[in-house]
Amino acid sequence: MRPTGSAAELERRRCRAVALVKQGHGQTEVARLVHASARSVRRWWRAYQRMGAAGLAAKPPPGRPHRLSPRRQRALVQRLLKGARANGFPTDLWTCPRIAELIERRYGVRYHVDHIPRLLARLGFSCQKPERRALERDEAAIRGWVARDWPRIKKSPSPAGPPRFH
């Protein structure tokens, strides 16, 4: 499992570990100091001995790069926060097809609709269904009913407790 932290932070941790080993600290002690396993420290030390500082360098993340640059991703977040109406849609409800359409129209990048939830999760959003409420809903009347009528209607446990079977 990949440890937390950016590639640059992890590279600094590896360099610090090697520097501590070079100063004469034991690998187990170094592992404790840099919050890593002793096995990792041994692996980093061998990589340093074979390739020097290049052996500790951060490697690019695996997989295909994102289609939207970080700058465009930030711009997309701002557009999503403004709402669907502000982006030319008839209602303020964001759907995956609408977001895919916005990205293609605005940035010229096509995303399949099934990929939009993953993109949104990476940007810090979560997919949710809108809460359906009647436009005529009267919140004050509902609160009054809950306070006045609900206690009278609600079943209460019998004073003898739950029934016992013999």
N, C-alpha and C. Protein backbone atom coordinates (compact mmCIF):
# COMPACT_ATOMS: atom_id res chain seq x y z
N MET A 1 0.84 -1.18 0.00
CA MET A 1 0.00 0.00 0.00
C MET A 1 0.89 1.24 0.00
N ARG A 2 0.52 2.20 -0.80
CA ARG A 2 1.31 3.43 -0.93
C ARG A 2 1.12 4.30 0.32
N PRO A 3 2.23 4.79 0.89
CA PRO A 3 2.10 5.66 2.06
C PRO A 3 1.51 7.02 1.66
N THR A 4 0.99 7.73 2.64
CA THR A 4 0.40 9.03 2.35
C THR A 4 1.49 10.06 2.14
N GLY A 5 1.17 11.06 1.34
CA GLY A 5 2.12 12.13 1.06
C GLY A 5 2.36 12.25 -0.44
N SER A 6 2.78 13.42 -0.84
CA SER A 6 3.07 13.64 -2.26
C SER A 6 4.36 12.93 -2.63
N ALA A 7 4.61 12.82 -3.92
CA ALA A 7 5.83 12.16 -4.38
C ALA A 7 7.06 12.88 -3.85
N ALA A 8 7.02 14.21 -3.80
CA ALA A 8 8.16 14.99 -3.31
C ALA A 8 8.38 14.73 -1.81
N GLU A 9 7.30 14.65 -1.03
CA GLU A 9 7.43 14.37 0.41
C GLU A 9 8.03 12.99 0.65
N LEU A 10 7.59 12.01 -0.12
CA LEU A 10 8.11 10.66 0.05
C LEU A 10 9.58 10.59 -0.35
N GLU A 11 9.94 11.32 -1.39
CA GLU A 11 11.36 11.37 -1.80
C GLU A 11 12.21 11.99 -0.70
N ARG A 12 11.73 13.08 -0.08
CA ARG A 12 12.46 13.70 1.03
C ARG A 12 12.63 12.72 2.18
N ARG A 13 11.60 11.92 2.44
CA ARG A 13 11.68 10.93 3.52
C ARG A 13 12.76 9.89 3.21
N ARG A 14 12.82 9.43 1.97
CA ARG A 14 13.85 8.46 1.59
C ARG A 14 15.24 9.07 1.73
N CYS A 15 15.41 10.32 1.28
CA CYS A 15 16.72 11.00 1.38
C CYS A 15 17.12 11.18 2.84
N ARG A 16 16.16 11.53 3.69
CA ARG A 16 16.45 11.69 5.12
C ARG A 16 16.89 10.37 5.73
N ALA A 17 16.21 9.29 5.34
CA ALA A 17 16.55 7.97 5.87
C ALA A 17 17.98 7.60 5.48
N VAL A 18 18.34 7.82 4.22
CA VAL A 18 19.69 7.49 3.76
C VAL A 18 20.71 8.36 4.48
N ALA A 19 20.41 9.64 4.68
CA ALA A 19 21.33 10.53 5.38
C ALA A 19 21.56 10.05 6.81
N LEU A 20 20.50 9.58 7.46
CA LEU A 20 20.65 9.06 8.83
C LEU A 20 21.48 7.79 8.86
N VAL A 21 21.30 6.91 7.87
CA VAL A 21 22.11 5.70 7.81
C VAL A 21 23.57 6.07 7.59
N LYS A 22 23.83 7.05 6.73
CA LYS A 22 25.20 7.49 6.47
C LYS A 22 25.85 8.08 7.72
N GLN A 23 25.02 8.68 8.61
CA GLN A 23 25.55 9.25 9.86
C GLN A 23 25.87 8.17 10.88
N GLY A 24 25.50 6.92 10.58
CA GLY A 24 25.85 5.83 11.48
C GLY A 24 24.69 5.27 12.29
N HIS A 25 23.49 5.76 12.08
CA HIS A 25 22.33 5.22 12.79
C HIS A 25 21.99 3.84 12.23
N GLY A 26 21.48 2.97 13.06
CA GLY A 26 21.06 1.65 12.61
C GLY A 26 19.79 1.74 11.77
N GLN A 27 19.62 0.77 10.89
CA GLN A 27 18.47 0.82 9.99
C GLN A 27 17.14 0.70 10.72
N THR A 28 17.10 -0.05 11.79
CA THR A 28 15.87 -0.18 12.57
C THR A 28 15.53 1.15 13.24
N GLU A 29 16.55 1.81 13.77
CA GLU A 29 16.34 3.11 14.41
C GLU A 29 15.88 4.14 13.38
N VAL A 30 16.50 4.13 12.20
CA VAL A 30 16.13 5.05 11.13
C VAL A 30 14.67 4.81 10.72
N ALA A 31 14.30 3.55 10.62
CA ALA A 31 12.92 3.21 10.25
C ALA A 31 11.93 3.82 11.23
N ARG A 32 12.27 3.74 12.53
CA ARG A 32 11.40 4.32 13.55
C ARG A 32 11.35 5.84 13.41
N LEU A 33 12.48 6.47 13.12
CA LEU A 33 12.55 7.93 13.03
C LEU A 33 11.79 8.49 11.82
N VAL A 34 11.80 7.76 10.71
CA VAL A 34 11.13 8.27 9.50
C VAL A 34 9.76 7.63 9.29
N HIS A 35 9.31 6.85 10.27
CA HIS A 35 7.98 6.20 10.22
C HIS A 35 7.85 5.31 8.99
N ALA A 36 8.79 4.39 8.86
CA ALA A 36 8.78 3.42 7.77
C ALA A 36 9.19 2.07 8.34
N SER A 37 9.11 1.03 7.52
CA SER A 37 9.55 -0.28 7.98
C SER A 37 11.05 -0.40 7.76
N ALA A 38 11.68 -1.26 8.55
CA ALA A 38 13.12 -1.49 8.40
C ALA A 38 13.42 -2.07 7.02
N ARG A 39 12.50 -2.85 6.50
CA ARG A 39 12.66 -3.42 5.16
C ARG A 39 12.73 -2.31 4.10
N SER A 40 11.90 -1.30 4.24
CA SER A 40 11.93 -0.18 3.29
C SER A 40 13.24 0.57 3.39
N VAL A 41 13.73 0.79 4.61
CA VAL A 41 15.00 1.50 4.79
C VAL A 41 16.13 0.71 4.12
N ARG A 42 16.13 -0.62 4.29
CA ARG A 42 17.16 -1.45 3.63
C ARG A 42 17.06 -1.33 2.12
N ARG A 43 15.83 -1.34 1.59
CA ARG A 43 15.62 -1.21 0.14
C ARG A 43 16.11 0.14 -0.36
N TRP A 44 15.82 1.22 0.37
CA TRP A 44 16.28 2.56 -0.02
C TRP A 44 17.80 2.64 0.01
N TRP A 45 18.40 2.03 1.04
CA TRP A 45 19.85 2.07 1.17
C TRP A 45 20.53 1.34 0.00
N ARG A 46 19.99 0.17 -0.37
CA ARG A 46 20.54 -0.57 -1.51
C ARG A 46 20.38 0.23 -2.80
N ALA A 47 19.22 0.87 -2.97
CA ALA A 47 19.00 1.68 -4.18
C ALA A 47 19.99 2.85 -4.23
N TYR A 48 20.25 3.44 -3.07
CA TYR A 48 21.21 4.55 -3.02
C TYR A 48 22.61 4.06 -3.34
N GLN A 49 22.99 2.90 -2.82
CA GLN A 49 24.33 2.35 -3.09
C GLN A 49 24.51 2.02 -4.56
N ARG A 50 23.45 1.52 -5.22
CA ARG A 50 23.55 1.14 -6.64
C ARG A 50 23.51 2.34 -7.57
N MET A 51 22.59 3.30 -7.30
CA MET A 51 22.35 4.38 -8.27
C MET A 51 22.59 5.78 -7.73
N GLY A 52 22.96 5.89 -6.49
CA GLY A 52 23.16 7.21 -5.91
C GLY A 52 21.81 7.87 -5.63
N ALA A 53 21.79 9.22 -5.65
CA ALA A 53 20.57 9.96 -5.35
C ALA A 53 19.45 9.66 -6.34
N ALA A 54 19.81 9.27 -7.57
CA ALA A 54 18.78 8.95 -8.57
C ALA A 54 17.95 7.74 -8.14
N GLY A 55 18.52 6.85 -7.33
CA GLY A 55 17.79 5.69 -6.85
C GLY A 55 16.70 6.04 -5.86
N LEU A 56 16.77 7.24 -5.29
CA LEU A 56 15.77 7.67 -4.31
C LEU A 56 14.73 8.61 -4.93
N ALA A 57 14.93 8.99 -6.20
CA ALA A 57 14.06 9.97 -6.84
C ALA A 57 12.64 9.45 -6.98
N ALA A 58 11.71 10.37 -6.91
CA ALA A 58 10.29 10.02 -7.06
C ALA A 58 10.02 9.57 -8.49
N LYS A 59 9.22 8.55 -8.62
CA LYS A 59 8.85 8.06 -9.94
C LYS A 59 7.51 8.65 -10.33
N PRO A 60 7.28 8.86 -11.62
CA PRO A 60 5.98 9.41 -12.02
C PRO A 60 4.87 8.43 -11.65
N PRO A 61 3.68 8.95 -11.36
CA PRO A 61 2.59 8.06 -10.98
C PRO A 61 2.23 7.13 -12.13
N PRO A 62 1.88 5.88 -11.83
CA PRO A 62 1.54 4.95 -12.89
C PRO A 62 0.19 5.28 -13.51
N GLY A 63 -0.04 4.78 -14.68
CA GLY A 63 -1.32 4.96 -15.33
C GLY A 63 -1.33 6.15 -16.27
N ARG A 64 -2.42 6.26 -16.95
CA ARG A 64 -2.60 7.32 -17.92
C ARG A 64 -2.74 8.66 -17.20
N PRO A 65 -2.12 9.73 -17.72
CA PRO A 65 -2.28 11.04 -17.07
C PRO A 65 -3.71 11.55 -17.22
N HIS A 66 -4.10 12.44 -16.33
CA HIS A 66 -5.44 13.01 -16.37
C HIS A 66 -5.63 13.81 -17.65
N ARG A 67 -6.84 13.77 -18.19
CA ARG A 67 -7.11 14.50 -19.43
C ARG A 67 -7.27 16.00 -19.19
N LEU A 68 -7.67 16.37 -18.00
CA LEU A 68 -7.78 17.79 -17.65
C LEU A 68 -6.57 18.15 -16.80
N SER A 69 -5.90 19.23 -17.17
CA SER A 69 -4.75 19.69 -16.40
C SER A 69 -5.23 20.16 -15.02
N PRO A 70 -4.32 20.26 -14.06
CA PRO A 70 -4.74 20.74 -12.73
C PRO A 70 -5.40 22.12 -12.80
N ARG A 71 -4.93 22.99 -13.69
CA ARG A 71 -5.54 24.32 -13.82
C ARG A 71 -6.98 24.20 -14.32
N ARG A 72 -7.20 23.32 -15.31
CA ARG A 72 -8.56 23.13 -15.83
C ARG A 72 -9.45 22.44 -14.80
N GLN A 73 -8.88 21.55 -13.99
CA GLN A 73 -9.67 20.90 -12.94
C GLN A 73 -10.16 21.94 -11.93
N ARG A 74 -9.28 22.87 -11.55
CA ARG A 74 -9.70 23.93 -10.62
C ARG A 74 -10.79 24.80 -11.24
N ALA A 75 -10.63 25.09 -12.54
CA ALA A 75 -11.64 25.91 -13.24
C ALA A 75 -12.97 25.15 -13.30
N LEU A 76 -12.92 23.83 -13.51
CA LEU A 76 -14.15 23.03 -13.55
C LEU A 76 -14.84 23.06 -12.19
N VAL A 77 -14.08 22.95 -11.11
CA VAL A 77 -14.66 23.01 -9.76
C VAL A 77 -15.41 24.34 -9.59
N GLN A 78 -14.79 25.44 -10.01
CA GLN A 78 -15.44 26.74 -9.88
C GLN A 78 -16.73 26.79 -10.68
N ARG A 79 -16.72 26.23 -11.89
CA ARG A 79 -17.93 26.21 -12.71
C ARG A 79 -19.02 25.36 -12.06
N LEU A 80 -18.64 24.22 -11.50
CA LEU A 80 -19.64 23.36 -10.85
C LEU A 80 -20.25 24.05 -9.63
N LEU A 81 -19.44 24.79 -8.90
CA LEU A 81 -19.94 25.49 -7.70
C LEU A 81 -20.89 26.62 -8.06
N LYS A 82 -20.75 27.20 -9.26
CA LYS A 82 -21.65 28.28 -9.68
C LYS A 82 -23.05 27.74 -9.98
N GLY A 83 -23.16 26.45 -10.27
CA GLY A 83 -24.46 25.85 -10.52
C GLY A 83 -24.69 25.58 -11.99
N ALA A 84 -25.65 24.70 -12.26
CA ALA A 84 -25.94 24.30 -13.64
C ALA A 84 -26.58 25.44 -14.43
N ARG A 85 -27.45 26.22 -13.80
CA ARG A 85 -28.10 27.33 -14.51
C ARG A 85 -27.07 28.34 -15.01
N ALA A 86 -26.08 28.64 -14.18
CA ALA A 86 -25.05 29.60 -14.57
C ALA A 86 -24.22 29.09 -15.73
N ASN A 87 -24.27 27.78 -15.98
CA ASN A 87 -23.52 27.18 -17.08
C ASN A 87 -24.41 26.83 -18.27
N GLY A 88 -25.61 27.40 -18.33
CA GLY A 88 -26.46 27.27 -19.51
C GLY A 88 -27.45 26.13 -19.50
N PHE A 89 -27.70 25.51 -18.36
CA PHE A 89 -28.68 24.43 -18.29
C PHE A 89 -29.99 24.98 -17.73
N PRO A 90 -31.13 24.37 -18.09
CA PRO A 90 -32.43 24.93 -17.69
C PRO A 90 -32.73 24.85 -16.20
N THR A 91 -32.19 23.85 -15.49
CA THR A 91 -32.41 23.74 -14.04
C THR A 91 -31.07 23.71 -13.34
N ASP A 92 -31.09 23.81 -12.01
CA ASP A 92 -29.84 23.86 -11.25
C ASP A 92 -29.38 22.48 -10.79
N LEU A 93 -29.85 21.43 -11.42
CA LEU A 93 -29.50 20.06 -11.04
C LEU A 93 -28.32 19.58 -11.89
N TRP A 94 -27.23 19.19 -11.22
CA TRP A 94 -26.09 18.63 -11.94
C TRP A 94 -26.31 17.13 -12.10
N THR A 95 -26.16 16.64 -13.32
CA THR A 95 -26.19 15.20 -13.59
C THR A 95 -24.89 14.84 -14.30
N CYS A 96 -24.57 13.56 -14.31
CA CYS A 96 -23.34 13.13 -14.98
C CYS A 96 -23.35 13.49 -16.47
N PRO A 97 -24.46 13.27 -17.19
CA PRO A 97 -24.46 13.68 -18.60
C PRO A 97 -24.25 15.18 -18.78
N ARG A 98 -24.81 15.98 -17.88
CA ARG A 98 -24.63 17.43 -17.98
C ARG A 98 -23.17 17.83 -17.73
N ILE A 99 -22.55 17.20 -16.74
CA ILE A 99 -21.15 17.52 -16.44
C ILE A 99 -20.26 17.11 -17.60
N ALA A 100 -20.53 15.92 -18.18
CA ALA A 100 -19.76 15.47 -19.35
C ALA A 100 -19.93 16.44 -20.50
N GLU A 101 -21.15 16.92 -20.70
CA GLU A 101 -21.41 17.89 -21.76
C GLU A 101 -20.67 19.21 -21.50
N LEU A 102 -20.69 19.68 -20.26
CA LEU A 102 -19.99 20.91 -19.91
C LEU A 102 -18.50 20.79 -20.17
N ILE A 103 -17.90 19.65 -19.78
CA ILE A 103 -16.46 19.45 -19.98
C ILE A 103 -16.13 19.43 -21.46
N GLU A 104 -16.95 18.75 -22.24
CA GLU A 104 -16.67 18.68 -23.69
C GLU A 104 -16.86 20.04 -24.34
N ARG A 105 -17.93 20.73 -23.96
CA ARG A 105 -18.21 22.05 -24.55
C ARG A 105 -17.16 23.08 -24.16
N ARG A 106 -16.75 23.06 -22.89
CA ARG A 106 -15.86 24.10 -22.39
C ARG A 106 -14.38 23.81 -22.64
N TYR A 107 -13.97 22.52 -22.49
CA TYR A 107 -12.55 22.18 -22.55
C TYR A 107 -12.19 21.30 -23.74
N GLY A 108 -13.19 20.84 -24.50
CA GLY A 108 -12.92 20.02 -25.67
C GLY A 108 -12.43 18.62 -25.33
N VAL A 109 -12.75 18.14 -24.13
CA VAL A 109 -12.33 16.82 -23.67
C VAL A 109 -13.57 15.97 -23.45
N ARG A 110 -13.60 14.77 -24.05
CA ARG A 110 -14.75 13.88 -23.90
C ARG A 110 -14.53 12.91 -22.75
N TYR A 111 -15.48 12.88 -21.84
CA TYR A 111 -15.49 11.89 -20.76
C TYR A 111 -16.73 11.03 -20.93
N HIS A 112 -16.59 9.74 -20.72
CA HIS A 112 -17.76 8.87 -20.72
C HIS A 112 -18.55 9.17 -19.45
N VAL A 113 -19.85 9.10 -19.55
CA VAL A 113 -20.74 9.43 -18.42
C VAL A 113 -20.42 8.58 -17.19
N ASP A 114 -20.03 7.32 -17.41
CA ASP A 114 -19.73 6.44 -16.27
C ASP A 114 -18.45 6.85 -15.54
N HIS A 115 -17.61 7.65 -16.16
CA HIS A 115 -16.36 8.07 -15.52
C HIS A 115 -16.54 9.35 -14.69
N ILE A 116 -17.61 10.08 -14.91
CA ILE A 116 -17.83 11.36 -14.23
C ILE A 116 -17.84 11.21 -12.70
N PRO A 117 -18.48 10.17 -12.11
CA PRO A 117 -18.43 10.06 -10.64
C PRO A 117 -17.00 9.92 -10.11
N ARG A 118 -16.13 9.21 -10.82
CA ARG A 118 -14.73 9.08 -10.38
C ARG A 118 -14.03 10.43 -10.46
N LEU A 119 -14.28 11.16 -11.53
CA LEU A 119 -13.69 12.50 -11.68
C LEU A 119 -14.17 13.41 -10.55
N LEU A 120 -15.46 13.39 -10.27
CA LEU A 120 -16.01 14.23 -9.21
C LEU A 120 -15.43 13.87 -7.85
N ALA A 121 -15.26 12.57 -7.59
CA ALA A 121 -14.69 12.14 -6.31
C ALA A 121 -13.25 12.65 -6.18
N ARG A 122 -12.50 12.61 -7.28
CA ARG A 122 -11.12 13.10 -7.25
C ARG A 122 -11.08 14.60 -7.00
N LEU A 123 -12.13 15.31 -7.43
CA LEU A 123 -12.20 16.76 -7.23
C LEU A 123 -12.81 17.13 -5.88
N GLY A 124 -13.23 16.13 -5.09
CA GLY A 124 -13.75 16.40 -3.75
C GLY A 124 -15.26 16.47 -3.66
N PHE A 125 -15.96 16.09 -4.72
CA PHE A 125 -17.43 16.10 -4.69
C PHE A 125 -17.93 14.69 -4.40
N SER A 126 -19.18 14.60 -3.97
CA SER A 126 -19.81 13.29 -3.82
C SER A 126 -21.13 13.31 -4.58
N CYS A 127 -21.47 12.17 -5.14
CA CYS A 127 -22.72 12.08 -5.90
C CYS A 127 -23.88 11.88 -4.93
N GLN A 128 -24.90 12.67 -5.09
CA GLN A 128 -26.05 12.58 -4.21
C GLN A 128 -27.32 12.78 -5.01
N LYS A 129 -28.38 12.15 -4.55
CA LYS A 129 -29.68 12.39 -5.17
C LYS A 129 -30.28 13.64 -4.55
N PRO A 130 -30.94 14.45 -5.37
CA PRO A 130 -31.57 15.64 -4.79
C PRO A 130 -32.73 15.25 -3.89
N GLU A 131 -32.93 16.01 -2.85
CA GLU A 131 -34.03 15.76 -1.93
C GLU A 131 -35.30 16.33 -2.55
N ARG A 132 -36.31 15.50 -2.66
CA ARG A 132 -37.56 15.96 -3.29
C ARG A 132 -38.48 16.52 -2.20
N ARG A 133 -38.86 17.77 -2.36
CA ARG A 133 -39.78 18.41 -1.41
C ARG A 133 -40.80 19.20 -2.21
N ALA A 134 -42.01 19.17 -1.74
CA ALA A 134 -43.07 19.91 -2.42
C ALA A 134 -42.83 21.41 -2.28
N LEU A 135 -43.11 22.15 -3.32
CA LEU A 135 -42.97 23.60 -3.27
C LEU A 135 -43.94 24.22 -2.27
N GLU A 136 -45.08 23.56 -2.07
CA GLU A 136 -46.12 24.08 -1.17
C GLU A 136 -45.87 23.72 0.29
N ARG A 137 -44.79 23.07 0.60
CA ARG A 137 -44.49 22.58 1.94
C ARG A 137 -44.44 23.75 2.94
N ASP A 138 -45.14 23.58 4.06
CA ASP A 138 -45.20 24.61 5.10
C ASP A 138 -44.44 24.11 6.33
N GLU A 139 -43.21 24.56 6.49
CA GLU A 139 -42.34 24.08 7.56
C GLU A 139 -42.91 24.39 8.95
N ALA A 140 -43.50 25.57 9.12
CA ALA A 140 -44.05 25.96 10.43
C ALA A 140 -45.21 25.04 10.81
N ALA A 141 -46.08 24.69 9.87
CA ALA A 141 -47.20 23.80 10.15
C ALA A 141 -46.69 22.40 10.50
N ILE A 142 -45.64 21.96 9.84
CA ILE A 142 -45.09 20.63 10.13
C ILE A 142 -44.51 20.60 11.54
N ARG A 143 -43.75 21.63 11.91
CA ARG A 143 -43.19 21.67 13.27
C ARG A 143 -44.31 21.68 14.32
N GLY A 144 -45.39 22.40 14.08
CA GLY A 144 -46.51 22.43 15.01
C GLY A 144 -47.18 21.07 15.15
N TRP A 145 -47.34 20.38 14.03
CA TRP A 145 -47.96 19.06 14.06
C TRP A 145 -47.08 18.08 14.84
N VAL A 146 -45.77 18.12 14.60
CA VAL A 146 -44.86 17.22 15.29
C VAL A 146 -44.89 17.49 16.80
N ALA A 147 -44.96 18.74 17.19
CA ALA A 147 -44.97 19.08 18.62
C ALA A 147 -46.31 18.78 19.28
N ARG A 148 -47.42 18.99 18.57
CA ARG A 148 -48.75 18.89 19.16
C ARG A 148 -49.38 17.52 18.97
N ASP A 149 -49.42 17.03 17.74
CA ASP A 149 -50.20 15.82 17.44
C ASP A 149 -49.39 14.53 17.50
N TRP A 150 -48.14 14.56 17.12
CA TRP A 150 -47.35 13.33 17.05
C TRP A 150 -47.25 12.61 18.39
N PRO A 151 -46.98 13.30 19.51
CA PRO A 151 -46.90 12.58 20.79
C PRO A 151 -48.21 11.86 21.14
N ARG A 152 -49.34 12.44 20.74
CA ARG A 152 -50.64 11.84 21.04
C ARG A 152 -50.86 10.57 20.21
N ILE A 153 -50.38 10.56 18.96
CA ILE A 153 -50.60 9.44 18.04
C ILE A 153 -49.60 8.32 18.26
N LYS A 154 -48.39 8.70 18.62
CA LYS A 154 -47.29 7.74 18.72
C LYS A 154 -47.58 6.66 19.76
N LYS A 155 -47.24 5.42 19.40
CA LYS A 155 -47.39 4.32 20.35
C LYS A 155 -46.31 4.44 21.41
N SER A 156 -46.68 4.17 22.64
CA SER A 156 -45.67 4.19 23.70
C SER A 156 -45.61 2.79 24.31
N PRO A 157 -44.48 2.41 24.85
CA PRO A 157 -44.37 1.07 25.43
C PRO A 157 -45.29 0.94 26.65
N SER A 158 -45.79 -0.26 26.86
CA SER A 158 -46.68 -0.48 28.00
C SER A 158 -45.89 -0.36 29.30
N PRO A 159 -46.55 0.07 30.38
CA PRO A 159 -45.83 0.24 31.65
C PRO A 159 -45.26 -1.06 32.19
N ALA A 160 -45.83 -2.22 31.83
CA ALA A 160 -45.36 -3.51 32.33
C ALA A 160 -44.13 -3.98 31.56
N GLY A 161 -43.77 -3.30 30.52
CA GLY A 161 -42.60 -3.70 29.74
C GLY A 161 -43.03 -4.60 28.60
N PRO A 162 -42.08 -5.13 27.87
CA PRO A 162 -42.41 -5.98 26.73
C PRO A 162 -43.04 -7.29 27.21
N PRO A 163 -43.90 -7.88 26.36
CA PRO A 163 -44.55 -9.14 26.77
C PRO A 163 -43.53 -10.27 26.92
N ARG A 164 -43.79 -11.12 27.89
CA ARG A 164 -42.88 -12.27 28.12
C ARG A 164 -43.61 -13.54 27.72
N PHE A 165 -42.86 -14.42 27.11
CA PHE A 165 -43.43 -15.71 26.71
C PHE A 165 -42.87 -16.80 27.61
N HIS A 166 -43.72 -17.68 28.07
CA HIS A 166 -43.28 -18.78 28.97
C HIS A 166 -43.25 -20.08 28.22
